[in-house]
Amino acid sequence: MSEFKGIRHARKKIVASCLLIFRGQSMVADVKNISATGILIKKIENEHIDGLGQGDECVLEIVVNEVFNFDVKGLVVRNDDHELAMHFTSIADDKQKDLWQLLGDRVHEVETYG
C-alpha cells in the first residue's frame, strides 16, 4: 500500500455527459466528477477510442443540460476499462466562467487523497 498523500482541487459529483474527441474519433461518456483542474468520466459500454492512452490530449464537450455546456482540452492521466481521468490543459477564457459557475463554492476548495 502506498504511503503517498497529496492535495488536489476538490471534486464535485455532477450529472452530465461528455463527448470526447481524439484524432478524428469520438466517444460519449458519463461525468462522475469534476474539479477546477480535471474531470473523471465513466465509459459507457461499447464506447471507446482506439489508441487513446496516458499523455494524449483530447477535446471534451461537457453537456450538463440543454442550455449549459462548455468545451475544454484535457490530458489523459489515467485510462482503464471503466474510467478515464483527465487534467484540463486549456480552458478558453469565455468558458472558464461556465466551469466556475458549475463548481460553485468548490472551485476554491482542496481535498487530500492517497
N, C-alpha and C. Protein backbone atom coordinates (compact mmCIF):
# COMPACT_ATOMS: atom_id res chain seq x y z
N MET A 1 0.83 -1.17 0.00
CA MET A 1 0.00 0.00 0.00
C MET A 1 0.89 1.25 0.00
N SER A 2 0.51 2.24 -0.78
CA SER A 2 1.29 3.46 -0.93
C SER A 2 1.15 4.36 0.30
N GLU A 3 2.24 4.99 0.69
CA GLU A 3 2.23 5.95 1.79
C GLU A 3 2.01 7.36 1.27
N PHE A 4 1.90 7.53 -0.05
CA PHE A 4 1.78 8.85 -0.66
C PHE A 4 0.45 9.50 -0.32
N LYS A 5 0.50 10.75 0.06
CA LYS A 5 -0.69 11.55 0.28
C LYS A 5 -0.48 12.87 -0.44
N GLY A 6 -1.54 13.39 -1.03
CA GLY A 6 -1.42 14.64 -1.76
C GLY A 6 -2.64 15.52 -1.54
N ILE A 7 -2.58 16.69 -2.14
CA ILE A 7 -3.68 17.63 -2.09
C ILE A 7 -4.06 17.97 -3.53
N ARG A 8 -5.35 18.04 -3.77
CA ARG A 8 -5.85 18.39 -5.11
C ARG A 8 -7.08 19.28 -4.96
N HIS A 9 -7.49 19.88 -6.07
CA HIS A 9 -8.73 20.65 -6.05
C HIS A 9 -9.89 19.71 -5.76
N ALA A 10 -10.84 20.19 -4.96
CA ALA A 10 -11.99 19.38 -4.55
C ALA A 10 -12.83 18.98 -5.77
N ARG A 11 -13.29 17.76 -5.75
CA ARG A 11 -14.13 17.25 -6.83
C ARG A 11 -15.59 17.45 -6.49
N LYS A 12 -16.40 17.63 -7.52
CA LYS A 12 -17.84 17.78 -7.34
C LYS A 12 -18.54 16.75 -8.22
N LYS A 13 -19.42 15.95 -7.62
CA LYS A 13 -20.21 15.00 -8.40
C LYS A 13 -21.28 15.78 -9.15
N ILE A 14 -21.44 15.47 -10.42
CA ILE A 14 -22.48 16.10 -11.22
C ILE A 14 -23.12 15.07 -12.13
N VAL A 15 -24.30 15.37 -12.62
CA VAL A 15 -24.96 14.55 -13.63
C VAL A 15 -24.77 15.27 -14.95
N ALA A 16 -23.93 14.71 -15.80
CA ALA A 16 -23.62 15.33 -17.09
C ALA A 16 -23.07 14.26 -18.03
N SER A 17 -23.07 14.60 -19.30
CA SER A 17 -22.47 13.75 -20.33
C SER A 17 -21.25 14.45 -20.90
N CYS A 18 -20.41 13.68 -21.54
CA CYS A 18 -19.19 14.24 -22.11
C CYS A 18 -18.95 13.59 -23.48
N LEU A 19 -18.71 14.43 -24.46
CA LEU A 19 -18.29 13.95 -25.77
C LEU A 19 -16.78 14.17 -25.84
N LEU A 20 -16.04 13.09 -26.00
CA LEU A 20 -14.58 13.15 -26.05
C LEU A 20 -14.15 12.95 -27.50
N ILE A 21 -13.28 13.84 -27.99
CA ILE A 21 -12.82 13.77 -29.37
C ILE A 21 -11.31 13.66 -29.38
N PHE A 22 -10.80 12.67 -30.14
CA PHE A 22 -9.36 12.42 -30.23
C PHE A 22 -9.02 11.91 -31.61
N ARG A 23 -8.20 12.65 -32.33
CA ARG A 23 -7.71 12.25 -33.66
C ARG A 23 -8.82 11.74 -34.58
N GLY A 24 -9.90 12.48 -34.67
CA GLY A 24 -10.99 12.12 -35.58
C GLY A 24 -11.94 11.06 -35.07
N GLN A 25 -11.69 10.53 -33.89
CA GLN A 25 -12.58 9.56 -33.26
C GLN A 25 -13.31 10.25 -32.11
N SER A 26 -14.46 9.72 -31.74
CA SER A 26 -15.20 10.29 -30.61
C SER A 26 -15.89 9.19 -29.83
N MET A 27 -16.22 9.53 -28.58
CA MET A 27 -16.99 8.63 -27.74
C MET A 27 -17.79 9.47 -26.75
N VAL A 28 -18.89 8.90 -26.31
CA VAL A 28 -19.73 9.55 -25.31
C VAL A 28 -19.50 8.84 -23.98
N ALA A 29 -19.46 9.62 -22.91
CA ALA A 29 -19.26 9.06 -21.56
C ALA A 29 -20.07 9.87 -20.55
N ASP A 30 -20.22 9.30 -19.36
CA ASP A 30 -20.91 9.98 -18.26
C ASP A 30 -19.87 10.62 -17.35
N VAL A 31 -20.14 11.83 -16.89
CA VAL A 31 -19.23 12.50 -15.96
C VAL A 31 -19.49 11.98 -14.55
N LYS A 32 -18.43 11.53 -13.87
CA LYS A 32 -18.55 11.09 -12.47
C LYS A 32 -18.33 12.27 -11.53
N ASN A 33 -17.26 13.03 -11.80
CA ASN A 33 -17.00 14.22 -11.01
C ASN A 33 -16.09 15.17 -11.79
N ILE A 34 -16.06 16.41 -11.30
CA ILE A 34 -15.29 17.45 -11.98
C ILE A 34 -14.69 18.35 -10.93
N SER A 35 -13.54 18.94 -11.23
CA SER A 35 -12.90 19.90 -10.34
C SER A 35 -12.41 21.07 -11.17
N ALA A 36 -11.74 22.01 -10.53
CA ALA A 36 -11.21 23.17 -11.24
C ALA A 36 -10.08 22.77 -12.19
N THR A 37 -9.49 21.59 -11.99
CA THR A 37 -8.34 21.20 -12.80
C THR A 37 -8.51 19.92 -13.61
N GLY A 38 -9.65 19.22 -13.45
CA GLY A 38 -9.79 17.98 -14.19
C GLY A 38 -11.16 17.36 -14.08
N ILE A 39 -11.29 16.20 -14.69
CA ILE A 39 -12.58 15.51 -14.78
C ILE A 39 -12.36 14.00 -14.74
N LEU A 40 -13.32 13.29 -14.16
CA LEU A 40 -13.32 11.83 -14.17
C LEU A 40 -14.59 11.41 -14.88
N ILE A 41 -14.44 10.63 -15.95
CA ILE A 41 -15.59 10.18 -16.71
C ILE A 41 -15.70 8.67 -16.68
N LYS A 42 -16.94 8.19 -16.69
CA LYS A 42 -17.23 6.77 -16.70
C LYS A 42 -17.56 6.37 -18.13
N LYS A 43 -16.84 5.40 -18.63
CA LYS A 43 -17.08 4.94 -20.00
C LYS A 43 -18.41 4.22 -20.11
N ILE A 44 -19.08 4.42 -21.20
CA ILE A 44 -20.33 3.72 -21.50
C ILE A 44 -19.97 2.47 -22.29
N GLU A 45 -20.65 1.37 -21.98
CA GLU A 45 -20.37 0.10 -22.65
C GLU A 45 -20.38 0.28 -24.16
N ASN A 46 -19.43 -0.34 -24.82
CA ASN A 46 -19.26 -0.32 -26.28
C ASN A 46 -18.79 1.03 -26.82
N GLU A 47 -18.43 1.97 -25.95
CA GLU A 47 -17.86 3.24 -26.38
C GLU A 47 -16.36 3.21 -26.07
N HIS A 48 -15.54 3.46 -27.07
CA HIS A 48 -14.09 3.51 -26.85
C HIS A 48 -13.43 4.26 -28.00
N ILE A 49 -12.18 4.62 -27.78
CA ILE A 49 -11.38 5.25 -28.83
C ILE A 49 -10.09 4.45 -28.93
N ASP A 50 -9.83 3.92 -30.11
CA ASP A 50 -8.61 3.14 -30.34
C ASP A 50 -7.37 4.01 -30.17
N GLY A 51 -6.39 3.50 -29.45
CA GLY A 51 -5.11 4.16 -29.32
C GLY A 51 -5.05 5.29 -28.31
N LEU A 52 -6.13 5.54 -27.57
CA LEU A 52 -6.13 6.62 -26.58
C LEU A 52 -5.41 6.15 -25.33
N GLY A 53 -4.38 6.88 -24.92
CA GLY A 53 -3.62 6.47 -23.76
C GLY A 53 -3.12 7.63 -22.93
N GLN A 54 -2.45 7.30 -21.86
CA GLN A 54 -1.92 8.31 -20.95
C GLN A 54 -1.03 9.28 -21.71
N GLY A 55 -1.24 10.57 -21.46
CA GLY A 55 -0.44 11.61 -22.12
C GLY A 55 -1.06 12.17 -23.38
N ASP A 56 -2.14 11.57 -23.87
CA ASP A 56 -2.82 12.08 -25.07
C ASP A 56 -3.72 13.25 -24.70
N GLU A 57 -3.78 14.24 -25.59
CA GLU A 57 -4.65 15.40 -25.37
C GLU A 57 -5.91 15.26 -26.23
N CYS A 58 -7.06 15.57 -25.62
CA CYS A 58 -8.36 15.43 -26.26
C CYS A 58 -9.16 16.72 -26.10
N VAL A 59 -10.21 16.83 -26.88
CA VAL A 59 -11.19 17.89 -26.70
C VAL A 59 -12.39 17.27 -26.02
N LEU A 60 -12.92 17.94 -25.00
CA LEU A 60 -14.07 17.46 -24.25
C LEU A 60 -15.20 18.46 -24.36
N GLU A 61 -16.35 18.00 -24.78
CA GLU A 61 -17.56 18.82 -24.77
C GLU A 61 -18.40 18.29 -23.61
N ILE A 62 -18.53 19.09 -22.56
CA ILE A 62 -19.23 18.68 -21.35
C ILE A 62 -20.64 19.25 -21.40
N VAL A 63 -21.64 18.36 -21.41
CA VAL A 63 -23.03 18.75 -21.57
C VAL A 63 -23.77 18.50 -20.25
N VAL A 64 -24.16 19.59 -19.59
CA VAL A 64 -24.85 19.49 -18.31
C VAL A 64 -26.37 19.43 -18.53
N ASN A 65 -26.87 20.24 -19.43
CA ASN A 65 -28.29 20.21 -19.81
C ASN A 65 -28.46 20.87 -21.18
N GLU A 66 -29.70 21.11 -21.60
CA GLU A 66 -29.94 21.63 -22.96
C GLU A 66 -29.33 23.00 -23.21
N VAL A 67 -29.15 23.78 -22.16
CA VAL A 67 -28.66 25.15 -22.36
C VAL A 67 -27.27 25.39 -21.75
N PHE A 68 -26.76 24.44 -20.98
CA PHE A 68 -25.48 24.65 -20.30
C PHE A 68 -24.48 23.58 -20.71
N ASN A 69 -23.51 23.97 -21.53
CA ASN A 69 -22.43 23.08 -21.90
C ASN A 69 -21.19 23.92 -22.20
N PHE A 70 -20.03 23.30 -22.13
CA PHE A 70 -18.79 24.01 -22.43
C PHE A 70 -17.74 23.00 -22.87
N ASP A 71 -16.73 23.51 -23.56
CA ASP A 71 -15.68 22.63 -24.06
C ASP A 71 -14.34 23.04 -23.49
N VAL A 72 -13.48 22.04 -23.30
CA VAL A 72 -12.13 22.22 -22.76
C VAL A 72 -11.20 21.24 -23.47
N LYS A 73 -9.91 21.43 -23.29
CA LYS A 73 -8.93 20.44 -23.71
C LYS A 73 -8.40 19.77 -22.46
N GLY A 74 -8.16 18.46 -22.56
CA GLY A 74 -7.68 17.70 -21.41
C GLY A 74 -6.64 16.68 -21.79
N LEU A 75 -5.77 16.39 -20.83
CA LEU A 75 -4.70 15.41 -20.99
C LEU A 75 -5.07 14.16 -20.21
N VAL A 76 -5.00 13.00 -20.85
CA VAL A 76 -5.32 11.73 -20.19
C VAL A 76 -4.25 11.43 -19.14
N VAL A 77 -4.69 11.25 -17.88
CA VAL A 77 -3.76 10.87 -16.81
C VAL A 77 -3.99 9.44 -16.35
N ARG A 78 -5.19 8.91 -16.60
CA ARG A 78 -5.48 7.52 -16.27
C ARG A 78 -6.57 7.02 -17.22
N ASN A 79 -6.38 5.82 -17.75
CA ASN A 79 -7.34 5.23 -18.68
C ASN A 79 -7.41 3.74 -18.42
N ASP A 80 -8.57 3.27 -17.95
CA ASP A 80 -8.74 1.83 -17.78
C ASP A 80 -10.04 1.42 -18.47
N ASP A 81 -10.48 0.21 -18.23
CA ASP A 81 -11.67 -0.30 -18.93
C ASP A 81 -12.95 0.43 -18.56
N HIS A 82 -12.98 1.07 -17.39
CA HIS A 82 -14.23 1.66 -16.91
C HIS A 82 -14.22 3.18 -16.79
N GLU A 83 -13.04 3.77 -16.53
CA GLU A 83 -12.96 5.20 -16.27
C GLU A 83 -11.81 5.85 -17.03
N LEU A 84 -11.95 7.15 -17.18
CA LEU A 84 -10.94 7.96 -17.83
C LEU A 84 -10.77 9.23 -17.01
N ALA A 85 -9.57 9.45 -16.48
CA ALA A 85 -9.27 10.65 -15.70
C ALA A 85 -8.45 11.59 -16.56
N MET A 86 -8.85 12.87 -16.55
CA MET A 86 -8.17 13.85 -17.39
C MET A 86 -7.87 15.12 -16.61
N HIS A 87 -6.73 15.72 -16.94
CA HIS A 87 -6.33 17.00 -16.37
C HIS A 87 -6.57 18.07 -17.44
N PHE A 88 -7.27 19.14 -17.08
CA PHE A 88 -7.53 20.19 -18.04
C PHE A 88 -6.23 20.88 -18.44
N THR A 89 -6.02 21.05 -19.73
CA THR A 89 -4.83 21.73 -20.23
C THR A 89 -5.15 23.09 -20.83
N SER A 90 -6.40 23.27 -21.25
CA SER A 90 -6.79 24.53 -21.87
C SER A 90 -8.28 24.76 -21.69
N ILE A 91 -8.61 25.90 -21.11
CA ILE A 91 -10.00 26.31 -20.97
C ILE A 91 -10.08 27.73 -21.51
N ALA A 92 -10.82 27.92 -22.58
CA ALA A 92 -10.94 29.25 -23.17
C ALA A 92 -11.45 30.24 -22.13
N ASP A 93 -10.98 31.48 -22.22
CA ASP A 93 -11.37 32.50 -21.25
C ASP A 93 -12.88 32.61 -21.11
N ASP A 94 -13.60 32.55 -22.21
CA ASP A 94 -15.06 32.69 -22.14
C ASP A 94 -15.74 31.44 -21.57
N LYS A 95 -15.03 30.33 -21.44
CA LYS A 95 -15.59 29.09 -20.87
C LYS A 95 -15.24 28.91 -19.40
N GLN A 96 -14.22 29.63 -18.91
CA GLN A 96 -13.82 29.49 -17.51
C GLN A 96 -14.96 29.88 -16.58
N LYS A 97 -15.69 30.91 -16.93
CA LYS A 97 -16.82 31.35 -16.11
C LYS A 97 -17.85 30.22 -15.98
N ASP A 98 -18.07 29.48 -17.06
CA ASP A 98 -19.02 28.37 -17.02
C ASP A 98 -18.57 27.29 -16.04
N LEU A 99 -17.27 26.95 -16.08
CA LEU A 99 -16.75 25.94 -15.16
C LEU A 99 -16.85 26.42 -13.71
N TRP A 100 -16.49 27.66 -13.45
CA TRP A 100 -16.55 28.19 -12.08
C TRP A 100 -18.00 28.21 -11.59
N GLN A 101 -18.92 28.55 -12.50
CA GLN A 101 -20.34 28.57 -12.15
C GLN A 101 -20.82 27.16 -11.78
N LEU A 102 -20.39 26.17 -12.54
CA LEU A 102 -20.77 24.78 -12.28
C LEU A 102 -20.21 24.30 -10.93
N LEU A 103 -18.98 24.66 -10.63
CA LEU A 103 -18.33 24.21 -9.39
C LEU A 103 -18.83 24.96 -8.16
N GLY A 104 -19.32 26.16 -8.33
CA GLY A 104 -19.81 26.94 -7.19
C GLY A 104 -18.72 27.14 -6.16
N ASP A 105 -19.04 26.93 -4.89
CA ASP A 105 -18.09 27.13 -3.79
C ASP A 105 -16.90 26.17 -3.86
N ARG A 106 -17.05 25.05 -4.54
CA ARG A 106 -15.98 24.04 -4.60
C ARG A 106 -14.80 24.48 -5.45
N VAL A 107 -14.95 25.55 -6.20
CA VAL A 107 -13.89 26.00 -7.11
C VAL A 107 -12.61 26.33 -6.34
N HIS A 108 -12.71 26.79 -5.11
CA HIS A 108 -11.53 27.17 -4.33
C HIS A 108 -11.17 26.15 -3.25
N GLU A 109 -11.93 25.08 -3.12
CA GLU A 109 -11.68 24.08 -2.09
C GLU A 109 -10.63 23.06 -2.55
N VAL A 110 -9.92 22.50 -1.58
CA VAL A 110 -8.97 21.41 -1.85
C VAL A 110 -9.33 20.23 -0.96
N GLU A 111 -8.82 19.06 -1.33
CA GLU A 111 -9.04 17.85 -0.55
C GLU A 111 -7.78 17.01 -0.59
N THR A 112 -7.63 16.12 0.36
CA THR A 112 -6.48 15.21 0.37
C THR A 112 -6.83 13.93 -0.36
N TYR A 113 -5.82 13.24 -0.86
CA TYR A 113 -6.02 11.94 -1.49
C TYR A 113 -4.80 11.09 -1.23
N GLY A 114 -4.96 9.80 -1.51
CA GLY A 114 -3.83 8.89 -1.36
C GLY A 114 -3.92 8.01 -0.15
